């Protein structure tokens, strides 16, 4: 489901309070609600070099883990 905050698109909810917005190319910006309910960026999930591989990258581009599903890659960012 698409989620808008104050009229701005923040992405599709994949976990309660966690949103993924598709970016150019095979990557997604991941946002999580803060204590005030605003969606704040926690990182990015990118398609890996191998088919079916997803890379979880922090806001500074540091790789936090590799996963076989997007939801698992998001969990790397949330922990």
C-alpha atoms as a PDB file:
ATOM      1  CA  UNK A   1       0.000   0.000   0.000  1.00  0.00           C
ATOM      2  CA  UNK A   2       1.323   3.450  -0.933  1.00  0.00           C
ATOM      3  CA  UNK A   3       1.864   5.780   2.026  1.00  0.00           C
ATOM      4  CA  UNK A   4       1.842   9.591   1.952  1.00  0.00           C
ATOM      5  CA  UNK A   5       2.918  11.900   4.806  1.00  0.00           C
ATOM      6  CA  UNK A   6       1.787  15.533   4.499  1.00  0.00           C
ATOM      7  CA  UNK A   7       1.124  14.896   0.802  1.00  0.00           C
ATOM      8  CA  UNK A   8       4.583  13.447   0.072  1.00  0.00           C
ATOM      9  CA  UNK A   9       4.971   9.865  -1.120  1.00  0.00           C
ATOM     10  CA  UNK A  10       7.223   7.947   1.288  1.00  0.00           C
ATOM     11  CA  UNK A  11       6.918   4.470  -0.227  1.00  0.00           C
ATOM     12  CA  UNK A  12       5.091   1.202   0.150  1.00  0.00           C
ATOM     13  CA  UNK A  13       4.771  -0.241   3.651  1.00  0.00           C
ATOM     14  CA  UNK A  14       6.655  -3.537   3.946  1.00  0.00           C
ATOM     15  CA  UNK A  15       6.656  -3.807   7.746  1.00  0.00           C
ATOM     16  CA  UNK A  16       4.587  -1.742  10.200  1.00  0.00           C
ATOM     17  CA  UNK A  17       6.182   1.720  10.103  1.00  0.00           C
ATOM     18  CA  UNK A  18       8.824   0.712   7.519  1.00  0.00           C
ATOM     19  CA  UNK A  19       8.548   1.889   3.904  1.00  0.00           C
ATOM     20  CA  UNK A  20      10.368   1.120   0.653  1.00  0.00           C
ATOM     21  CA  UNK A  21      10.471   3.597  -2.231  1.00  0.00           C
ATOM     22  CA  UNK A  22      11.763   2.450  -5.619  1.00  0.00           C
ATOM     23  CA  UNK A  23      14.702   4.475  -6.923  1.00  0.00           C
ATOM     24  CA  UNK A  24      16.286   4.566 -10.373  1.00  0.00           C
ATOM     25  CA  UNK A  25      17.695   1.178 -11.248  1.00  0.00           C
ATOM     26  CA  UNK A  26      17.137  -1.885  -9.095  1.00  0.00           C
ATOM     27  CA  UNK A  27      17.333  -0.198  -5.686  1.00  0.00           C
ATOM     28  CA  UNK A  28      14.953   0.934  -2.935  1.00  0.00           C
ATOM     29  CA  UNK A  29      15.231   3.640  -0.276  1.00  0.00           C
ATOM     30  CA  UNK A  30      14.156   2.308   3.125  1.00  0.00           C
ATOM     31  CA  UNK A  31      12.532   4.609   5.687  1.00  0.00           C
ATOM     32  CA  UNK A  32      11.341   3.952   9.235  1.00  0.00           C
ATOM     33  CA  UNK A  33       9.004   6.073  11.345  1.00  0.00           C
ATOM     34  CA  UNK A  34      10.680   7.968  14.171  1.00  0.00           C
ATOM     35  CA  UNK A  35       9.088   8.752  17.552  1.00  0.00           C
ATOM     36  CA  UNK A  36       7.145  11.681  16.043  1.00  0.00           C
ATOM     37  CA  UNK A  37       5.765   9.529  13.214  1.00  0.00           C
ATOM     38  CA  UNK A  38       7.972  10.982  10.457  1.00  0.00           C
ATOM     39  CA  UNK A  39       9.588   8.536   8.007  1.00  0.00           C
ATOM     40  CA  UNK A  40      13.381   8.821   8.316  1.00  0.00           C
ATOM     41  CA  UNK A  41      15.855   7.192   5.959  1.00  0.00           C
ATOM     42  CA  UNK A  42      17.678   4.155   7.368  1.00  0.00           C
ATOM     43  CA  UNK A  43      19.432   2.966   4.208  1.00  0.00           C
ATOM     44  CA  UNK A  44      19.048   1.435   0.799  1.00  0.00           C
ATOM     45  CA  UNK A  45      18.525  -2.056  -0.572  1.00  0.00           C
ATOM     46  CA  UNK A  46      20.189  -2.727  -3.926  1.00  0.00           C
ATOM     47  CA  UNK A  47      19.978  -5.685  -6.274  1.00  0.00           C
ATOM     48  CA  UNK A  48      23.197  -7.658  -6.050  1.00  0.00           C
ATOM     49  CA  UNK A  49      25.432  -8.825  -8.862  1.00  0.00           C
ATOM     50  CA  UNK A  50      23.948 -12.324  -8.723  1.00  0.00           C
ATOM     51  CA  UNK A  51      20.296 -12.904  -9.557  1.00  0.00           C
ATOM     52  CA  UNK A  52      18.131 -13.117  -6.437  1.00  0.00           C
ATOM     53  CA  UNK A  53      20.692 -11.341  -4.231  1.00  0.00           C
ATOM     54  CA  UNK A  54      19.955  -8.115  -2.320  1.00  0.00           C
ATOM     55  CA  UNK A  55      22.499  -5.854  -0.608  1.00  0.00           C
ATOM     56  CA  UNK A  56      21.580  -3.859   2.502  1.00  0.00           C
ATOM     57  CA  UNK A  57      23.520  -0.579   2.551  1.00  0.00           C
ATOM     58  CA  UNK A  58      23.504   2.046   5.288  1.00  0.00           C
ATOM     59  CA  UNK A  59      23.034   5.757   4.641  1.00  0.00           C
ATOM     60  CA  UNK A  60      26.787   6.224   4.150  1.00  0.00           C
ATOM     61  CA  UNK A  61      27.007   3.374   1.627  1.00  0.00           C
ATOM     62  CA  UNK A  62      28.434   0.808   4.040  1.00  0.00           C
ATOM     63  CA  UNK A  63      27.317  -2.737   3.265  1.00  0.00           C
ATOM     64  CA  UNK A  64      25.396  -4.251   6.188  1.00  0.00           C
ATOM     65  CA  UNK A  65      24.628  -7.648   4.685  1.00  0.00           C
ATOM     66  CA  UNK A  66      23.588  -9.767   1.723  1.00  0.00           C
ATOM     67  CA  UNK A  67      20.273 -11.602   1.560  1.00  0.00           C
ATOM     68  CA  UNK A  68      18.183 -13.735  -0.781  1.00  0.00           C
ATOM     69  CA  UNK A  69      15.038 -11.620  -0.238  1.00  0.00           C
ATOM     70  CA  UNK A  70      14.343  -7.916   0.033  1.00  0.00           C
ATOM     71  CA  UNK A  71      12.585  -8.288   3.399  1.00  0.00           C
ATOM     72  CA  UNK A  72      15.617 -10.020   4.899  1.00  0.00           C
ATOM     73  CA  UNK A  73      17.882  -7.251   3.582  1.00  0.00           C
ATOM     74  CA  UNK A  74      15.578  -4.669   5.229  1.00  0.00           C
ATOM     75  CA  UNK A  75      15.942  -6.518   8.539  1.00  0.00           C
ATOM     76  CA  UNK A  76      19.740  -6.048   8.289  1.00  0.00           C
ATOM     77  CA  UNK A  77      19.115  -2.287   8.125  1.00  0.00           C
ATOM     78  CA  UNK A  78      16.701  -2.266  11.042  1.00  0.00           C
ATOM     79  CA  UNK A  79      19.006  -4.159  13.434  1.00  0.00           C
END
